[in-house]
């Protein structure tokens, strides 16, 4: 069992996004809260080469773009999104989500692609 207080969360922000990573000793899974208020990434796509991402939309709405699919996915508060590893994706919208990754997300496996 592991208990992580909000005070231990590590905040980060960038151009149109912010988040709080909850540091864990568990390498099999982790958790973050993200806020996005634009297209992310601004151009192209992002991909996780090692982990799956499970998002629960806490508030707001947006669109998920997948490079290999013709249709876009509109999502809103209460929806859940599962992004597989090696799936190229981008978000657009104004939303907050709880995100769990398995195995645990690390920056070295996260890439931005044109």
N, C-alpha and C. Protein backbone atom coordinates (compact mmCIF):
# COMPACT_ATOMS: atom_id res chain seq x y z
N UNK A 1 0.85 -1.17 0.00
CA UNK A 1 0.00 0.00 0.00
C UNK A 1 0.89 1.23 0.00
N UNK A 2 0.45 2.23 -0.73
CA UNK A 2 1.17 3.50 -0.77
C UNK A 2 0.14 4.62 -0.73
N UNK A 3 0.41 5.62 0.08
CA UNK A 3 -0.48 6.77 0.25
C UNK A 3 0.32 8.01 -0.12
N UNK A 4 -0.20 8.80 -1.07
CA UNK A 4 0.52 9.99 -1.54
C UNK A 4 -0.35 11.21 -1.29
N UNK A 5 0.09 12.07 -0.40
CA UNK A 5 -0.65 13.30 -0.09
C UNK A 5 -0.50 14.32 -1.21
N UNK A 6 -1.52 15.14 -1.39
CA UNK A 6 -1.50 16.17 -2.42
C UNK A 6 -0.28 17.08 -2.27
N UNK A 7 0.15 17.33 -1.04
CA UNK A 7 1.30 18.20 -0.81
C UNK A 7 2.58 17.64 -1.43
N UNK A 8 2.62 16.35 -1.68
CA UNK A 8 3.79 15.71 -2.28
C UNK A 8 3.77 15.78 -3.81
N UNK A 9 2.62 16.15 -4.40
CA UNK A 9 2.50 16.21 -5.85
C UNK A 9 3.44 17.26 -6.42
N UNK A 10 4.02 16.94 -7.56
CA UNK A 10 4.97 17.83 -8.23
C UNK A 10 4.26 18.53 -9.38
N UNK A 11 4.15 19.85 -9.31
CA UNK A 11 3.46 20.65 -10.33
C UNK A 11 4.37 20.94 -11.52
N UNK A 12 3.76 21.04 -12.67
CA UNK A 12 4.48 21.45 -13.88
C UNK A 12 3.51 22.22 -14.77
N UNK A 13 4.04 22.99 -15.69
CA UNK A 13 3.19 23.72 -16.63
C UNK A 13 3.98 24.02 -17.90
N UNK A 14 3.23 24.28 -18.95
CA UNK A 14 3.81 24.62 -20.24
C UNK A 14 2.84 25.52 -20.98
N UNK A 15 3.00 25.59 -22.27
CA UNK A 15 2.18 26.45 -23.12
C UNK A 15 0.81 25.81 -23.34
N UNK A 16 -0.16 26.14 -22.48
CA UNK A 16 -1.52 25.64 -22.62
C UNK A 16 -1.83 24.39 -21.83
N UNK A 17 -0.91 23.94 -21.01
CA UNK A 17 -1.18 22.78 -20.18
C UNK A 17 -0.50 22.92 -18.83
N UNK A 18 -1.00 22.17 -17.87
CA UNK A 18 -0.38 22.09 -16.55
C UNK A 18 -0.76 20.76 -15.93
N UNK A 19 -0.10 20.42 -14.84
CA UNK A 19 -0.41 19.15 -14.21
C UNK A 19 0.23 19.01 -12.86
N UNK A 20 -0.15 17.93 -12.21
CA UNK A 20 0.42 17.55 -10.91
C UNK A 20 0.70 16.05 -10.96
N UNK A 21 1.97 15.70 -10.88
CA UNK A 21 2.37 14.29 -10.82
C UNK A 21 2.45 13.86 -9.36
N UNK A 22 1.84 12.74 -9.06
CA UNK A 22 1.89 12.19 -7.71
C UNK A 22 3.00 11.15 -7.67
N UNK A 23 4.14 11.48 -7.03
CA UNK A 23 5.29 10.58 -7.08
C UNK A 23 5.03 9.27 -6.34
N UNK A 24 5.39 8.18 -6.99
CA UNK A 24 5.16 6.86 -6.42
C UNK A 24 6.43 6.03 -6.54
N UNK A 25 6.58 5.10 -5.65
CA UNK A 25 7.69 4.16 -5.72
C UNK A 25 7.37 2.99 -6.64
N UNK A 26 6.11 2.85 -7.01
CA UNK A 26 5.64 1.75 -7.84
C UNK A 26 5.98 2.03 -9.31
N UNK A 27 6.70 1.15 -9.94
CA UNK A 27 7.10 1.32 -11.34
C UNK A 27 6.08 0.73 -12.31
N UNK A 28 5.04 0.06 -11.76
CA UNK A 28 4.03 -0.55 -12.62
C UNK A 28 2.87 0.37 -12.96
N UNK A 29 2.68 1.45 -12.18
CA UNK A 29 1.55 2.35 -12.39
C UNK A 29 1.83 3.68 -11.72
N UNK A 30 1.27 4.76 -12.26
CA UNK A 30 1.37 6.07 -11.60
C UNK A 30 0.12 6.88 -11.88
N UNK A 31 0.08 8.10 -11.31
CA UNK A 31 -1.13 8.93 -11.40
C UNK A 31 -0.75 10.41 -11.50
N UNK A 32 -1.54 11.15 -12.28
CA UNK A 32 -1.38 12.59 -12.41
C UNK A 32 -2.74 13.22 -12.66
N UNK A 33 -2.82 14.51 -12.40
CA UNK A 33 -3.96 15.33 -12.81
C UNK A 33 -3.42 16.29 -13.86
N UNK A 34 -4.08 16.36 -15.03
CA UNK A 34 -3.64 17.28 -16.08
C UNK A 34 -4.76 18.25 -16.41
N UNK A 35 -4.37 19.45 -16.82
CA UNK A 35 -5.29 20.46 -17.33
C UNK A 35 -4.78 20.92 -18.68
N UNK A 36 -5.65 20.92 -19.66
CA UNK A 36 -5.28 21.34 -21.02
C UNK A 36 -6.29 22.37 -21.48
N UNK A 37 -5.79 23.47 -22.09
CA UNK A 37 -6.70 24.51 -22.57
C UNK A 37 -6.32 24.98 -23.98
N UNK A 38 -5.87 24.03 -24.81
CA UNK A 38 -5.51 24.33 -26.20
C UNK A 38 -5.27 23.00 -26.91
N UNK A 39 -4.69 23.06 -28.10
CA UNK A 39 -4.25 21.83 -28.75
C UNK A 39 -2.93 21.42 -28.11
N UNK A 40 -2.81 20.14 -27.79
CA UNK A 40 -1.59 19.64 -27.17
C UNK A 40 -1.22 18.30 -27.79
N UNK A 41 -0.08 18.24 -28.48
CA UNK A 41 0.86 19.31 -28.71
C UNK A 41 0.33 20.31 -29.74
N UNK A 42 0.95 21.47 -29.80
CA UNK A 42 0.50 22.54 -30.71
C UNK A 42 0.46 22.06 -32.15
N UNK A 43 1.48 21.29 -32.56
CA UNK A 43 1.51 20.69 -33.90
C UNK A 43 1.91 19.24 -33.76
N UNK A 44 1.49 18.42 -34.70
CA UNK A 44 1.86 17.02 -34.69
C UNK A 44 1.13 16.22 -33.62
N UNK A 45 1.82 15.20 -33.12
CA UNK A 45 1.25 14.26 -32.18
C UNK A 45 2.26 13.97 -31.07
N UNK A 46 1.80 13.25 -30.07
CA UNK A 46 2.67 12.72 -29.03
C UNK A 46 2.43 11.23 -28.93
N UNK A 47 3.41 10.51 -28.38
CA UNK A 47 3.29 9.07 -28.27
C UNK A 47 4.05 8.60 -27.03
N UNK A 48 3.49 7.60 -26.37
CA UNK A 48 4.17 6.92 -25.26
C UNK A 48 4.62 5.57 -25.80
N UNK A 49 5.92 5.34 -25.79
CA UNK A 49 6.45 4.11 -26.37
C UNK A 49 6.38 2.91 -25.43
N UNK A 50 6.19 3.16 -24.12
CA UNK A 50 6.20 2.07 -23.15
C UNK A 50 4.92 1.90 -22.35
N UNK A 51 4.10 2.94 -22.23
CA UNK A 51 2.96 2.84 -21.32
C UNK A 51 1.63 3.14 -21.99
N UNK A 52 0.58 2.57 -21.39
CA UNK A 52 -0.79 2.91 -21.73
C UNK A 52 -1.22 4.04 -20.81
N UNK A 53 -2.11 4.89 -21.31
CA UNK A 53 -2.64 6.01 -20.53
C UNK A 53 -4.14 5.84 -20.38
N UNK A 54 -4.65 5.91 -19.16
CA UNK A 54 -6.08 5.85 -18.89
C UNK A 54 -6.48 7.20 -18.31
N UNK A 55 -7.37 7.92 -19.01
CA UNK A 55 -7.80 9.24 -18.58
C UNK A 55 -9.26 9.21 -18.16
N UNK A 56 -9.56 9.84 -17.04
CA UNK A 56 -10.93 10.10 -16.61
C UNK A 56 -11.13 11.60 -16.69
N UNK A 57 -12.10 12.06 -17.48
CA UNK A 57 -12.32 13.49 -17.67
C UNK A 57 -13.11 14.02 -16.47
N UNK A 58 -12.43 14.81 -15.63
CA UNK A 58 -13.02 15.37 -14.42
C UNK A 58 -13.97 16.50 -14.74
N UNK A 59 -13.54 17.40 -15.62
CA UNK A 59 -14.41 18.50 -16.05
C UNK A 59 -13.96 19.00 -17.41
N UNK A 60 -14.89 19.65 -18.09
CA UNK A 60 -14.60 20.21 -19.41
C UNK A 60 -14.86 19.22 -20.52
N UNK A 61 -14.32 19.55 -21.71
CA UNK A 61 -14.52 18.71 -22.88
C UNK A 61 -13.41 18.97 -23.88
N UNK A 62 -13.37 18.12 -24.91
CA UNK A 62 -12.35 18.28 -25.93
C UNK A 62 -12.49 17.26 -27.03
N UNK A 63 -11.44 17.21 -27.85
CA UNK A 63 -11.37 16.28 -28.97
C UNK A 63 -10.04 15.55 -28.89
N UNK A 64 -10.09 14.24 -29.14
CA UNK A 64 -8.89 13.42 -29.23
C UNK A 64 -8.66 13.09 -30.69
N UNK A 65 -7.46 13.39 -31.18
CA UNK A 65 -7.06 13.07 -32.55
C UNK A 65 -6.08 11.90 -32.51
N UNK A 66 -6.32 10.90 -33.32
CA UNK A 66 -5.40 9.77 -33.46
C UNK A 66 -4.88 9.77 -34.89
N UNK A 67 -3.58 9.68 -35.03
CA UNK A 67 -2.96 9.78 -36.35
C UNK A 67 -3.45 8.71 -37.31
N UNK A 68 -3.68 7.51 -36.85
CA UNK A 68 -4.02 6.40 -37.74
C UNK A 68 -5.52 6.18 -37.90
N UNK A 69 -6.34 7.12 -37.46
CA UNK A 69 -7.79 6.98 -37.60
C UNK A 69 -8.36 8.22 -38.26
N UNK A 70 -9.33 8.01 -39.13
CA UNK A 70 -9.95 9.13 -39.83
C UNK A 70 -10.90 9.92 -38.94
N UNK A 71 -11.54 9.23 -37.99
CA UNK A 71 -12.49 9.92 -37.13
C UNK A 71 -11.80 10.49 -35.90
N UNK A 72 -12.34 11.62 -35.42
CA UNK A 72 -11.89 12.22 -34.17
C UNK A 72 -12.88 11.83 -33.08
N UNK A 73 -12.46 11.89 -31.84
CA UNK A 73 -13.30 11.49 -30.72
C UNK A 73 -13.57 12.69 -29.83
N UNK A 74 -14.84 13.07 -29.73
CA UNK A 74 -15.25 14.15 -28.85
C UNK A 74 -15.54 13.56 -27.48
N UNK A 75 -15.00 14.19 -26.44
CA UNK A 75 -15.19 13.69 -25.08
C UNK A 75 -15.64 14.81 -24.15
N UNK A 76 -16.20 14.42 -23.01
CA UNK A 76 -16.72 15.39 -22.04
C UNK A 76 -16.61 14.82 -20.64
N UNK A 77 -16.96 15.63 -19.68
CA UNK A 77 -16.92 15.26 -18.26
C UNK A 77 -17.54 13.88 -18.04
N UNK A 78 -16.84 13.04 -17.28
CA UNK A 78 -17.33 11.71 -16.95
C UNK A 78 -16.88 10.62 -17.91
N UNK A 79 -16.31 10.99 -19.07
CA UNK A 79 -15.85 10.00 -20.04
C UNK A 79 -14.49 9.44 -19.63
N UNK A 80 -14.19 8.25 -20.15
CA UNK A 80 -12.91 7.59 -19.93
C UNK A 80 -12.27 7.32 -21.29
N UNK A 81 -10.96 7.56 -21.38
CA UNK A 81 -10.21 7.34 -22.61
C UNK A 81 -9.03 6.44 -22.29
N UNK A 82 -8.83 5.40 -23.09
CA UNK A 82 -7.67 4.53 -22.96
C UNK A 82 -6.82 4.70 -24.21
N UNK A 83 -5.59 5.14 -24.04
CA UNK A 83 -4.66 5.31 -25.14
C UNK A 83 -3.59 4.23 -25.02
N UNK A 84 -3.47 3.41 -26.05
CA UNK A 84 -2.48 2.33 -26.04
C UNK A 84 -1.07 2.87 -26.25
N UNK A 85 -0.09 2.10 -25.81
CA UNK A 85 1.29 2.48 -26.09
C UNK A 85 1.49 2.49 -27.61
N UNK A 86 2.37 3.36 -28.06
CA UNK A 86 2.71 3.54 -29.48
C UNK A 86 1.57 4.11 -30.32
N UNK A 87 0.52 4.62 -29.69
CA UNK A 87 -0.58 5.26 -30.41
C UNK A 87 -0.29 6.76 -30.46
N UNK A 88 -0.22 7.32 -31.66
CA UNK A 88 0.06 8.75 -31.83
C UNK A 88 -1.23 9.52 -31.61
N UNK A 89 -1.22 10.51 -30.72
CA UNK A 89 -2.44 11.23 -30.37
C UNK A 89 -2.16 12.70 -30.07
N UNK A 90 -3.24 13.48 -30.11
CA UNK A 90 -3.20 14.89 -29.72
C UNK A 90 -4.57 15.23 -29.14
N UNK A 91 -4.58 16.19 -28.22
CA UNK A 91 -5.82 16.68 -27.62
C UNK A 91 -6.07 18.11 -28.07
N UNK A 92 -7.33 18.50 -28.07
CA UNK A 92 -7.71 19.90 -28.22
C UNK A 92 -8.92 20.11 -27.33
N UNK A 93 -8.92 21.18 -26.57
CA UNK A 93 -10.06 21.45 -25.72
C UNK A 93 -9.68 22.21 -24.47
N UNK A 94 -10.60 22.21 -23.55
CA UNK A 94 -10.41 22.85 -22.26
C UNK A 94 -10.96 21.87 -21.22
N UNK A 95 -10.05 21.10 -20.61
CA UNK A 95 -10.50 20.04 -19.72
C UNK A 95 -9.46 19.73 -18.64
N UNK A 96 -9.92 19.01 -17.63
CA UNK A 96 -9.06 18.49 -16.57
C UNK A 96 -9.31 16.99 -16.50
N UNK A 97 -8.24 16.23 -16.34
CA UNK A 97 -8.37 14.77 -16.32
C UNK A 97 -7.45 14.15 -15.28
N UNK A 98 -7.91 13.05 -14.69
CA UNK A 98 -7.06 12.20 -13.89
C UNK A 98 -6.46 11.17 -14.83
N UNK A 99 -5.14 10.97 -14.75
CA UNK A 99 -4.44 10.10 -15.69
C UNK A 99 -3.62 9.06 -14.93
N UNK A 100 -3.82 7.81 -15.27
CA UNK A 100 -3.02 6.73 -14.72
C UNK A 100 -2.30 6.06 -15.89
N UNK A 101 -1.02 5.76 -15.71
CA UNK A 101 -0.24 5.10 -16.74
C UNK A 101 0.33 3.79 -16.21
N UNK A 102 0.35 2.79 -17.11
CA UNK A 102 0.95 1.51 -16.76
C UNK A 102 1.75 0.99 -17.95
N UNK A 103 3.03 0.63 -17.78
CA UNK A 103 3.81 0.89 -16.58
C UNK A 103 3.91 2.39 -16.31
N UNK A 104 4.46 2.73 -15.18
CA UNK A 104 4.53 4.13 -14.77
C UNK A 104 5.18 4.99 -15.86
N UNK A 105 4.58 6.16 -16.10
CA UNK A 105 5.06 7.11 -17.11
C UNK A 105 6.41 7.66 -16.69
N UNK A 106 7.33 7.71 -17.66
CA UNK A 106 8.61 8.39 -17.48
C UNK A 106 8.88 9.21 -18.74
N UNK A 107 9.49 10.36 -18.57
CA UNK A 107 9.65 11.29 -19.69
C UNK A 107 10.46 10.71 -20.84
N UNK A 108 11.38 9.79 -20.57
CA UNK A 108 12.23 9.24 -21.63
C UNK A 108 11.43 8.46 -22.67
N UNK A 109 10.27 7.95 -22.32
CA UNK A 109 9.49 7.16 -23.28
C UNK A 109 8.40 7.99 -23.97
N UNK A 110 8.32 9.27 -23.65
CA UNK A 110 7.32 10.16 -24.23
C UNK A 110 7.96 10.96 -25.35
N UNK A 111 7.37 10.91 -26.54
CA UNK A 111 7.96 11.56 -27.72
C UNK A 111 6.94 12.47 -28.39
N UNK A 112 7.43 13.53 -29.02
CA UNK A 112 6.62 14.39 -29.88
C UNK A 112 6.97 14.08 -31.32
N UNK A 113 5.92 13.92 -32.16
CA UNK A 113 6.12 13.51 -33.55
C UNK A 113 5.40 14.48 -34.48
N UNK A 114 5.97 14.70 -35.67
CA UNK A 114 5.33 15.58 -36.67
C UNK A 114 4.26 14.83 -37.43
